Amino acid sequence: MLKLLCAFFLIMISFPVVAAEDDAEKVGLNIAVVDVQQLMGVSKAGKSIQSQGKDIVEKYQKDMSGIQKDLKSAEKKVVDAQNAKDKEEFQKQFQAFQKELKESQEESQQLRMKNDQAVADALNILRDEIVEIVDEMTVKNNYDLVITRADVITVSKNIDITAEVMKELDSRLKTVKVNR
């Protein structure tokens, strides 16, 4: 039921956007549409960020494999101490294992957050450049309104400026360094 209501709501708010091109012509508005998601994913800088993000994930996984190996070794010591039936040694090994496990989890979480933030920062640089280019095109072409493609259901090719923005973006920003 909730999905049906959401779908109805989306359809209702979308109709004015679909009709925006016809209404714009009647009142003389100069409207453009840009696909920001495409620019973020397909531009040279976007691909650069994706590639670096992939490298970061691979390094993170390698680091986590090393940590897991250390934890398995510590766990083996706990099991060996339990099998030796020396309760004092077992308790000592168990506490050491719990401490190492907690530290590993914290390290993993901090590293993941640091990596995520580094990629987010790079994407923000890319997004800012896209906005700057669109702002310049807005002034140059006297656009009254520029809408993101995500906010439009259908659009005429003659008001889609994504290709123009892509060309300018790729000439200005070939890569964005992901600072880890």
N, C-alpha and C. Protein backbone atom coordinates (compact mmCIF):
# COMPACT_ATOMS: atom_id res chain seq x y z
N MET A 1 0.83 -1.18 0.00
CA MET A 1 0.00 0.00 0.00
C MET A 1 0.88 1.25 0.00
N LEU A 2 1.92 1.23 0.83
CA LEU A 2 2.83 2.38 0.91
C LEU A 2 3.55 2.59 -0.42
N LYS A 3 3.94 1.48 -1.05
CA LYS A 3 4.61 1.59 -2.35
C LYS A 3 3.68 2.22 -3.38
N LEU A 4 2.42 1.83 -3.34
CA LEU A 4 1.44 2.37 -4.27
C LEU A 4 1.25 3.86 -4.06
N LEU A 5 1.17 4.28 -2.81
CA LEU A 5 1.03 5.71 -2.51
C LEU A 5 2.26 6.49 -2.97
N CYS A 6 3.45 5.93 -2.73
CA CYS A 6 4.69 6.58 -3.16
C CYS A 6 4.74 6.70 -4.68
N ALA A 7 4.36 5.64 -5.37
CA ALA A 7 4.36 5.66 -6.83
C ALA A 7 3.37 6.71 -7.34
N PHE A 8 2.19 6.77 -6.75
CA PHE A 8 1.21 7.78 -7.14
C PHE A 8 1.74 9.18 -6.92
N PHE A 9 2.36 9.40 -5.77
CA PHE A 9 2.94 10.71 -5.45
C PHE A 9 4.01 11.09 -6.46
N LEU A 10 4.89 10.15 -6.79
CA LEU A 10 5.94 10.42 -7.75
C LEU A 10 5.37 10.76 -9.13
N ILE A 11 4.35 10.04 -9.51
CA ILE A 11 3.71 10.31 -10.81
C ILE A 11 3.09 11.70 -10.80
N MET A 12 2.43 12.05 -9.72
CA MET A 12 1.75 13.34 -9.65
C MET A 12 2.75 14.50 -9.68
N ILE A 13 3.87 14.37 -8.99
CA ILE A 13 4.82 15.48 -9.00
C ILE A 13 5.65 15.51 -10.27
N SER A 14 5.63 14.42 -11.02
CA SER A 14 6.42 14.35 -12.24
C SER A 14 5.73 15.00 -13.43
N PHE A 15 4.43 15.02 -13.46
CA PHE A 15 3.73 15.56 -14.62
C PHE A 15 4.11 16.99 -14.93
N PRO A 16 4.22 17.87 -13.94
CA PRO A 16 4.63 19.23 -14.29
C PRO A 16 6.03 19.29 -14.91
N VAL A 17 6.92 18.40 -14.50
CA VAL A 17 8.27 18.40 -15.05
C VAL A 17 8.26 17.93 -16.50
N VAL A 18 7.45 16.92 -16.81
CA VAL A 18 7.36 16.42 -18.18
C VAL A 18 6.83 17.52 -19.09
N ALA A 19 5.89 18.28 -18.60
CA ALA A 19 5.28 19.34 -19.41
C ALA A 19 6.11 20.62 -19.39
N ALA A 20 7.18 20.68 -18.65
CA ALA A 20 7.96 21.90 -18.47
C ALA A 20 8.47 22.46 -19.79
N GLU A 21 8.86 21.61 -20.72
CA GLU A 21 9.40 22.10 -21.99
C GLU A 21 8.34 22.87 -22.77
N ASP A 22 7.11 22.34 -22.86
CA ASP A 22 6.04 23.04 -23.56
C ASP A 22 5.68 24.34 -22.87
N ASP A 23 5.57 24.29 -21.54
CA ASP A 23 5.25 25.50 -20.78
C ASP A 23 6.36 26.53 -20.92
N ALA A 24 7.61 26.09 -20.95
CA ALA A 24 8.74 27.00 -21.08
C ALA A 24 8.67 27.75 -22.40
N GLU A 25 8.30 27.05 -23.47
CA GLU A 25 8.20 27.70 -24.77
C GLU A 25 7.10 28.76 -24.77
N LYS A 26 6.00 28.50 -24.06
CA LYS A 26 4.88 29.44 -24.01
C LYS A 26 5.26 30.72 -23.29
N VAL A 27 6.05 30.61 -22.23
CA VAL A 27 6.41 31.79 -21.46
C VAL A 27 7.81 32.29 -21.80
N GLY A 28 8.48 31.65 -22.71
CA GLY A 28 9.79 32.11 -23.17
C GLY A 28 10.94 31.79 -22.23
N LEU A 29 10.85 30.73 -21.46
CA LEU A 29 11.95 30.33 -20.57
C LEU A 29 12.99 29.56 -21.36
N ASN A 30 14.24 29.79 -21.02
CA ASN A 30 15.35 29.06 -21.63
C ASN A 30 15.81 28.03 -20.60
N ILE A 31 15.44 26.77 -20.82
CA ILE A 31 15.69 25.70 -19.86
C ILE A 31 16.71 24.72 -20.43
N ALA A 32 17.55 24.20 -19.53
CA ALA A 32 18.52 23.17 -19.92
C ALA A 32 18.47 22.05 -18.89
N VAL A 33 18.88 20.88 -19.33
CA VAL A 33 18.94 19.71 -18.45
C VAL A 33 20.34 19.14 -18.54
N VAL A 34 20.88 18.71 -17.38
CA VAL A 34 22.21 18.11 -17.34
C VAL A 34 22.17 16.84 -16.49
N ASP A 35 22.81 15.80 -16.98
CA ASP A 35 22.85 14.52 -16.28
C ASP A 35 24.12 14.47 -15.42
N VAL A 36 23.98 14.91 -14.19
CA VAL A 36 25.12 14.99 -13.28
C VAL A 36 25.67 13.59 -12.96
N GLN A 37 24.78 12.62 -12.81
CA GLN A 37 25.24 11.26 -12.50
C GLN A 37 26.11 10.70 -13.63
N GLN A 38 25.72 10.97 -14.86
CA GLN A 38 26.53 10.52 -16.00
C GLN A 38 27.89 11.21 -15.97
N LEU A 39 27.90 12.50 -15.71
CA LEU A 39 29.16 13.24 -15.65
C LEU A 39 30.06 12.71 -14.55
N MET A 40 29.48 12.37 -13.41
CA MET A 40 30.25 11.87 -12.28
C MET A 40 30.84 10.48 -12.59
N GLY A 41 30.14 9.69 -13.38
CA GLY A 41 30.59 8.33 -13.63
C GLY A 41 31.40 8.13 -14.89
N VAL A 42 31.15 8.93 -15.92
CA VAL A 42 31.74 8.67 -17.23
C VAL A 42 32.86 9.65 -17.58
N SER A 43 32.92 10.77 -16.92
CA SER A 43 33.98 11.74 -17.22
C SER A 43 35.35 11.15 -16.88
N LYS A 44 36.39 11.76 -17.44
CA LYS A 44 37.75 11.29 -17.15
C LYS A 44 38.03 11.35 -15.66
N ALA A 45 37.67 12.46 -15.03
CA ALA A 45 37.90 12.60 -13.59
C ALA A 45 37.08 11.59 -12.79
N GLY A 46 35.83 11.36 -13.21
CA GLY A 46 34.99 10.38 -12.54
C GLY A 46 35.57 8.98 -12.61
N LYS A 47 36.06 8.61 -13.79
CA LYS A 47 36.69 7.30 -13.95
C LYS A 47 37.97 7.21 -13.12
N SER A 48 38.70 8.31 -13.03
CA SER A 48 39.91 8.36 -12.22
C SER A 48 39.58 8.09 -10.75
N ILE A 49 38.54 8.73 -10.27
CA ILE A 49 38.12 8.53 -8.88
C ILE A 49 37.69 7.08 -8.66
N GLN A 50 36.92 6.54 -9.61
CA GLN A 50 36.48 5.14 -9.49
C GLN A 50 37.67 4.19 -9.43
N SER A 51 38.66 4.43 -10.28
CA SER A 51 39.83 3.57 -10.33
C SER A 51 40.61 3.64 -9.00
N GLN A 52 40.80 4.86 -8.51
CA GLN A 52 41.51 5.00 -7.25
C GLN A 52 40.71 4.40 -6.10
N GLY A 53 39.39 4.55 -6.15
CA GLY A 53 38.53 3.95 -5.13
C GLY A 53 38.64 2.44 -5.13
N LYS A 54 38.71 1.87 -6.31
CA LYS A 54 38.88 0.41 -6.43
C LYS A 54 40.21 -0.02 -5.82
N ASP A 55 41.27 0.74 -6.11
CA ASP A 55 42.58 0.43 -5.54
C ASP A 55 42.55 0.52 -4.02
N ILE A 56 41.86 1.52 -3.50
CA ILE A 56 41.75 1.69 -2.05
C ILE A 56 41.02 0.50 -1.43
N VAL A 57 39.94 0.06 -2.07
CA VAL A 57 39.18 -1.09 -1.57
C VAL A 57 40.06 -2.34 -1.58
N GLU A 58 40.82 -2.55 -2.64
CA GLU A 58 41.70 -3.72 -2.72
C GLU A 58 42.76 -3.69 -1.62
N LYS A 59 43.33 -2.51 -1.37
CA LYS A 59 44.34 -2.38 -0.30
C LYS A 59 43.69 -2.63 1.06
N TYR A 60 42.50 -2.09 1.24
CA TYR A 60 41.77 -2.29 2.49
C TYR A 60 41.52 -3.78 2.73
N GLN A 61 41.08 -4.47 1.68
CA GLN A 61 40.82 -5.91 1.81
C GLN A 61 42.09 -6.68 2.14
N LYS A 62 43.20 -6.26 1.54
CA LYS A 62 44.49 -6.91 1.83
C LYS A 62 44.88 -6.67 3.29
N ASP A 63 44.71 -5.43 3.76
CA ASP A 63 45.01 -5.10 5.15
C ASP A 63 44.13 -5.92 6.09
N MET A 64 42.84 -6.05 5.74
CA MET A 64 41.92 -6.81 6.59
C MET A 64 42.27 -8.29 6.60
N SER A 65 42.78 -8.80 5.50
CA SER A 65 43.21 -10.20 5.46
C SER A 65 44.35 -10.43 6.45
N GLY A 66 45.27 -9.48 6.51
CA GLY A 66 46.38 -9.57 7.46
C GLY A 66 45.89 -9.53 8.89
N ILE A 67 44.93 -8.66 9.15
CA ILE A 67 44.37 -8.56 10.50
C ILE A 67 43.63 -9.85 10.86
N GLN A 68 42.88 -10.40 9.91
CA GLN A 68 42.17 -11.65 10.17
C GLN A 68 43.15 -12.79 10.46
N LYS A 69 44.26 -12.80 9.76
CA LYS A 69 45.28 -13.82 9.99
C LYS A 69 45.82 -13.70 11.42
N ASP A 70 46.10 -12.48 11.86
CA ASP A 70 46.58 -12.25 13.23
C ASP A 70 45.53 -12.68 14.26
N LEU A 71 44.27 -12.41 13.95
CA LEU A 71 43.20 -12.80 14.88
C LEU A 71 43.07 -14.32 14.97
N LYS A 72 43.21 -14.99 13.84
CA LYS A 72 43.14 -16.46 13.86
C LYS A 72 44.27 -17.05 14.70
N SER A 73 45.45 -16.43 14.60
CA SER A 73 46.59 -16.87 15.41
C SER A 73 46.30 -16.67 16.90
N ALA A 74 45.74 -15.51 17.23
CA ALA A 74 45.40 -15.24 18.62
C ALA A 74 44.31 -16.18 19.12
N GLU A 75 43.36 -16.48 18.25
CA GLU A 75 42.28 -17.39 18.61
C GLU A 75 42.83 -18.80 18.87
N LYS A 76 43.80 -19.20 18.08
CA LYS A 76 44.43 -20.52 18.27
C LYS A 76 45.11 -20.60 19.64
N LYS A 77 45.74 -19.51 20.05
CA LYS A 77 46.38 -19.49 21.37
C LYS A 77 45.33 -19.66 22.47
N VAL A 78 44.16 -19.06 22.29
CA VAL A 78 43.09 -19.20 23.28
C VAL A 78 42.62 -20.64 23.33
N VAL A 79 42.42 -21.24 22.18
CA VAL A 79 41.96 -22.63 22.12
C VAL A 79 43.02 -23.56 22.74
N ASP A 80 44.29 -23.31 22.41
CA ASP A 80 45.36 -24.13 22.99
C ASP A 80 45.40 -24.00 24.51
N ALA A 81 45.20 -22.78 25.01
CA ALA A 81 45.20 -22.57 26.45
C ALA A 81 44.01 -23.26 27.10
N GLN A 82 42.87 -23.26 26.41
CA GLN A 82 41.69 -23.93 26.95
C GLN A 82 41.91 -25.44 26.98
N ASN A 83 42.55 -25.99 25.95
CA ASN A 83 42.81 -27.42 25.88
C ASN A 83 43.85 -27.86 26.91
N ALA A 84 44.73 -26.96 27.30
CA ALA A 84 45.76 -27.27 28.29
C ALA A 84 45.18 -27.31 29.70
N LYS A 85 43.95 -26.88 29.85
CA LYS A 85 43.23 -26.91 31.12
C LYS A 85 43.89 -26.06 32.20
N ASP A 86 44.69 -25.11 31.77
CA ASP A 86 45.27 -24.13 32.70
C ASP A 86 44.35 -22.91 32.66
N LYS A 87 43.46 -22.83 33.67
CA LYS A 87 42.43 -21.79 33.65
C LYS A 87 43.03 -20.39 33.68
N GLU A 88 44.10 -20.22 34.39
CA GLU A 88 44.72 -18.89 34.48
C GLU A 88 45.30 -18.49 33.12
N GLU A 89 45.98 -19.41 32.46
CA GLU A 89 46.55 -19.12 31.13
C GLU A 89 45.43 -18.90 30.12
N PHE A 90 44.36 -19.72 30.23
CA PHE A 90 43.23 -19.54 29.33
C PHE A 90 42.62 -18.15 29.49
N GLN A 91 42.40 -17.74 30.74
CA GLN A 91 41.80 -16.42 30.99
C GLN A 91 42.70 -15.31 30.45
N LYS A 92 43.99 -15.45 30.62
CA LYS A 92 44.95 -14.46 30.13
C LYS A 92 44.90 -14.39 28.60
N GLN A 93 44.90 -15.52 27.94
CA GLN A 93 44.86 -15.58 26.47
C GLN A 93 43.51 -15.07 25.94
N PHE A 94 42.44 -15.40 26.64
CA PHE A 94 41.11 -14.97 26.23
C PHE A 94 40.99 -13.45 26.30
N GLN A 95 41.47 -12.86 27.37
CA GLN A 95 41.43 -11.40 27.52
C GLN A 95 42.29 -10.71 26.46
N ALA A 96 43.46 -11.28 26.18
CA ALA A 96 44.33 -10.73 25.14
C ALA A 96 43.64 -10.80 23.78
N PHE A 97 42.96 -11.92 23.54
CA PHE A 97 42.24 -12.08 22.28
C PHE A 97 41.11 -11.06 22.17
N GLN A 98 40.35 -10.88 23.23
CA GLN A 98 39.25 -9.92 23.21
C GLN A 98 39.76 -8.50 22.95
N LYS A 99 40.88 -8.17 23.57
CA LYS A 99 41.47 -6.84 23.37
C LYS A 99 41.92 -6.67 21.92
N GLU A 100 42.58 -7.67 21.38
CA GLU A 100 43.05 -7.61 19.98
C GLU A 100 41.87 -7.54 19.01
N LEU A 101 40.81 -8.29 19.31
CA LEU A 101 39.62 -8.27 18.47
C LEU A 101 38.98 -6.88 18.46
N LYS A 102 38.85 -6.28 19.62
CA LYS A 102 38.25 -4.94 19.72
C LYS A 102 39.11 -3.92 18.98
N GLU A 103 40.42 -3.99 19.16
CA GLU A 103 41.31 -3.05 18.48
C GLU A 103 41.24 -3.23 16.96
N SER A 104 41.15 -4.46 16.52
CA SER A 104 41.05 -4.75 15.08
C SER A 104 39.76 -4.20 14.50
N GLN A 105 38.67 -4.36 15.22
CA GLN A 105 37.39 -3.84 14.75
C GLN A 105 37.43 -2.32 14.66
N GLU A 106 38.01 -1.68 15.65
CA GLU A 106 38.11 -0.21 15.65
C GLU A 106 39.00 0.26 14.50
N GLU A 107 40.12 -0.42 14.31
CA GLU A 107 41.04 -0.07 13.22
C GLU A 107 40.35 -0.23 11.87
N SER A 108 39.63 -1.32 11.71
CA SER A 108 38.91 -1.58 10.46
C SER A 108 37.88 -0.49 10.20
N GLN A 109 37.13 -0.13 11.21
CA GLN A 109 36.10 0.89 11.06
C GLN A 109 36.72 2.25 10.74
N GLN A 110 37.79 2.62 11.42
CA GLN A 110 38.45 3.90 11.17
C GLN A 110 39.02 3.94 9.75
N LEU A 111 39.63 2.87 9.33
CA LEU A 111 40.21 2.80 8.00
C LEU A 111 39.12 2.90 6.92
N ARG A 112 38.02 2.20 7.14
CA ARG A 112 36.91 2.24 6.18
C ARG A 112 36.33 3.66 6.10
N MET A 113 36.17 4.31 7.26
CA MET A 113 35.63 5.68 7.27
C MET A 113 36.60 6.65 6.59
N LYS A 114 37.88 6.47 6.82
CA LYS A 114 38.89 7.32 6.20
C LYS A 114 38.86 7.15 4.68
N ASN A 115 38.77 5.91 4.22
CA ASN A 115 38.69 5.63 2.78
C ASN A 115 37.43 6.23 2.17
N ASP A 116 36.30 6.04 2.82
CA ASP A 116 35.03 6.58 2.33
C ASP A 116 35.09 8.10 2.24
N GLN A 117 35.68 8.72 3.25
CA GLN A 117 35.77 10.18 3.27
C GLN A 117 36.68 10.68 2.15
N ALA A 118 37.77 9.96 1.90
CA ALA A 118 38.70 10.37 0.83
C ALA A 118 38.00 10.34 -0.53
N VAL A 119 37.23 9.30 -0.78
CA VAL A 119 36.50 9.20 -2.05
C VAL A 119 35.41 10.28 -2.11
N ALA A 120 34.71 10.49 -1.01
CA ALA A 120 33.67 11.53 -0.97
C ALA A 120 34.26 12.91 -1.23
N ASP A 121 35.43 13.19 -0.67
CA ASP A 121 36.08 14.48 -0.89
C ASP A 121 36.43 14.67 -2.37
N ALA A 122 36.94 13.62 -3.00
CA ALA A 122 37.27 13.69 -4.42
C ALA A 122 36.02 13.91 -5.26
N LEU A 123 34.95 13.21 -4.92
CA LEU A 123 33.68 13.38 -5.65
C LEU A 123 33.12 14.79 -5.48
N ASN A 124 33.32 15.37 -4.31
CA ASN A 124 32.87 16.74 -4.08
C ASN A 124 33.64 17.73 -4.95
N ILE A 125 34.94 17.49 -5.13
CA ILE A 125 35.73 18.33 -6.02
C ILE A 125 35.18 18.24 -7.44
N LEU A 126 34.88 17.04 -7.88
CA LEU A 126 34.32 16.83 -9.21
C LEU A 126 32.96 17.51 -9.34
N ARG A 127 32.11 17.32 -8.36
CA ARG A 127 30.77 17.93 -8.37
C ARG A 127 30.87 19.46 -8.41
N ASP A 128 31.79 20.02 -7.63
CA ASP A 128 31.98 21.48 -7.63
C ASP A 128 32.40 21.98 -9.01
N GLU A 129 33.26 21.22 -9.68
CA GLU A 129 33.69 21.62 -11.03
C GLU A 129 32.52 21.56 -12.00
N ILE A 130 31.69 20.55 -11.88
CA ILE A 130 30.50 20.43 -12.73
C ILE A 130 29.59 21.64 -12.52
N VAL A 131 29.36 21.99 -11.27
CA VAL A 131 28.50 23.14 -10.96
C VAL A 131 29.09 24.42 -11.53
N GLU A 132 30.40 24.58 -11.42
CA GLU A 132 31.05 25.77 -11.97
C GLU A 132 30.87 25.86 -13.49
N ILE A 133 31.06 24.74 -14.17
CA ILE A 133 30.89 24.71 -15.63
C ILE A 133 29.45 25.03 -16.01
N VAL A 134 28.50 24.42 -15.31
CA VAL A 134 27.08 24.67 -15.60
C VAL A 134 26.74 26.14 -15.33
N ASP A 135 27.29 26.70 -14.25
CA ASP A 135 27.07 28.12 -13.97
C ASP A 135 27.57 28.99 -15.11
N GLU A 136 28.77 28.69 -15.61
CA GLU A 136 29.33 29.45 -16.72
C GLU A 136 28.47 29.32 -17.97
N MET A 137 27.99 28.11 -18.26
CA MET A 137 27.12 27.89 -19.42
C MET A 137 25.78 28.60 -19.25
N THR A 138 25.30 28.66 -18.02
CA THR A 138 24.04 29.35 -17.74
C THR A 138 24.15 30.82 -18.11
N VAL A 139 25.26 31.43 -17.72
CA VAL A 139 25.47 32.84 -18.04
C VAL A 139 25.67 33.02 -19.55
N LYS A 140 26.53 32.20 -20.13
CA LYS A 140 26.85 32.31 -21.55
C LYS A 140 25.62 32.12 -22.44
N ASN A 141 24.77 31.16 -22.09
CA ASN A 141 23.62 30.81 -22.94
C ASN A 141 22.29 31.38 -22.44
N ASN A 142 22.37 32.20 -21.41
CA ASN A 142 21.17 32.84 -20.85
C ASN A 142 20.10 31.84 -20.43
N TYR A 143 20.51 30.76 -19.76
CA TYR A 143 19.52 29.81 -19.26
C TYR A 143 18.78 30.43 -18.09
N ASP A 144 17.48 30.25 -18.07
CA ASP A 144 16.67 30.69 -16.94
C ASP A 144 16.63 29.62 -15.86
N LEU A 145 16.80 28.38 -16.29
CA LEU A 145 16.69 27.26 -15.37
C LEU A 145 17.50 26.09 -15.90
N VAL A 146 18.30 25.47 -15.02
CA VAL A 146 19.00 24.24 -15.37
C VAL A 146 18.57 23.20 -14.34
N ILE A 147 18.09 22.07 -14.85
CA ILE A 147 17.56 20.99 -14.01
C ILE A 147 18.45 19.77 -14.19
N THR A 148 18.65 19.02 -13.10
CA THR A 148 19.39 17.77 -13.24
C THR A 148 18.52 16.72 -13.90
N ARG A 149 19.11 15.84 -14.64
CA ARG A 149 18.40 14.79 -15.37
C ARG A 149 17.63 13.88 -14.41
N ALA A 150 18.14 13.73 -13.21
CA ALA A 150 17.48 12.88 -12.21
C ALA A 150 16.10 13.43 -11.83
N ASP A 151 15.88 14.72 -12.04
CA ASP A 151 14.61 15.34 -11.69
C ASP A 151 13.62 15.38 -12.84
N VAL A 152 13.97 14.78 -13.98
CA VAL A 152 13.14 14.84 -15.18
C VAL A 152 12.87 13.43 -15.69
N ILE A 153 11.64 13.19 -16.10
CA ILE A 153 11.31 11.87 -16.64
C ILE A 153 11.72 11.77 -18.10
N THR A 154 11.31 12.72 -18.90
CA THR A 154 11.70 12.74 -20.30
C THR A 154 12.22 14.13 -20.63
N VAL A 155 13.09 14.18 -21.64
CA VAL A 155 13.66 15.47 -22.02
C VAL A 155 14.00 15.43 -23.50
N SER A 156 13.80 16.55 -24.14
CA SER A 156 14.18 16.69 -25.54
C SER A 156 15.70 16.82 -25.63
N LYS A 157 16.26 16.20 -26.64
CA LYS A 157 17.72 16.25 -26.82
C LYS A 157 18.24 17.68 -26.99
N ASN A 158 17.39 18.57 -27.52
CA ASN A 158 17.87 19.91 -27.79
C ASN A 158 18.06 20.77 -26.54
N ILE A 159 17.57 20.31 -25.39
CA ILE A 159 17.82 21.08 -24.16
C ILE A 159 18.75 20.34 -23.20
N ASP A 160 19.21 19.16 -23.60
CA ASP A 160 20.16 18.39 -22.77
C ASP A 160 21.57 18.87 -23.06
N ILE A 161 22.22 19.46 -22.06
CA ILE A 161 23.57 20.03 -22.24
C ILE A 161 24.66 19.12 -21.67
N THR A 162 24.32 17.90 -21.34
CA THR A 162 25.28 16.99 -20.72
C THR A 162 26.54 16.81 -21.57
N ALA A 163 26.39 16.61 -22.86
CA ALA A 163 27.56 16.40 -23.74
C ALA A 163 28.47 17.61 -23.75
N GLU A 164 27.88 18.80 -23.77
CA GLU A 164 28.70 20.02 -23.74
C GLU A 164 29.45 20.15 -22.42
N VAL A 165 28.76 19.84 -21.33
CA VAL A 165 29.39 19.91 -20.01
C VAL A 165 30.50 18.87 -19.93
N MET A 166 30.24 17.67 -20.45
CA MET A 166 31.24 16.59 -20.42
C MET A 166 32.50 17.03 -21.16
N LYS A 167 32.33 17.62 -22.32
CA LYS A 167 33.48 18.06 -23.13
C LYS A 167 34.32 19.07 -22.34
N GLU A 168 33.67 20.02 -21.74
CA GLU A 168 34.38 21.05 -20.97
C GLU A 168 35.01 20.45 -19.71
N LEU A 169 34.27 19.58 -19.04
CA LEU A 169 34.77 18.94 -17.83
C LEU A 169 36.02 18.12 -18.12
N ASP A 170 35.97 17.31 -19.18
CA ASP A 170 37.13 16.49 -19.53
C ASP A 170 38.33 17.33 -19.94
N SER A 171 38.09 18.51 -20.49
CA SER A 171 39.23 19.35 -20.87
C SER A 171 39.83 20.05 -19.65
N ARG A 172 39.03 20.31 -18.64
CA ARG A 172 39.51 21.00 -17.45
C ARG A 172 40.06 20.09 -16.37
N LEU A 173 39.42 18.94 -16.21
CA LEU A 173 39.70 18.09 -15.05
C LEU A 173 39.82 16.64 -15.50
N LYS A 174 41.04 16.22 -15.74
CA LYS A 174 41.25 14.86 -16.24
C LYS A 174 41.32 13.83 -15.11
N THR A 175 41.73 14.30 -13.94
CA THR A 175 41.84 13.40 -12.79
C THR A 175 41.62 14.19 -11.52
N VAL A 176 41.16 13.50 -10.49
CA VAL A 176 41.05 14.07 -9.16
C VAL A 176 41.72 13.08 -8.23
N LYS A 177 42.70 13.55 -7.49
CA LYS A 177 43.45 12.65 -6.58
C LYS A 177 42.60 12.33 -5.36
N VAL A 178 42.52 11.07 -5.05
CA VAL A 178 41.85 10.63 -3.83
C VAL A 178 42.93 10.57 -2.75
N ASN A 179 42.86 11.52 -1.83
CA ASN A 179 43.89 11.63 -0.78
C ASN A 179 43.52 10.79 0.41
N ARG A 180 44.24 9.72 0.58
CA ARG A 180 44.00 8.79 1.68
C ARG A 180 44.85 9.13 2.85
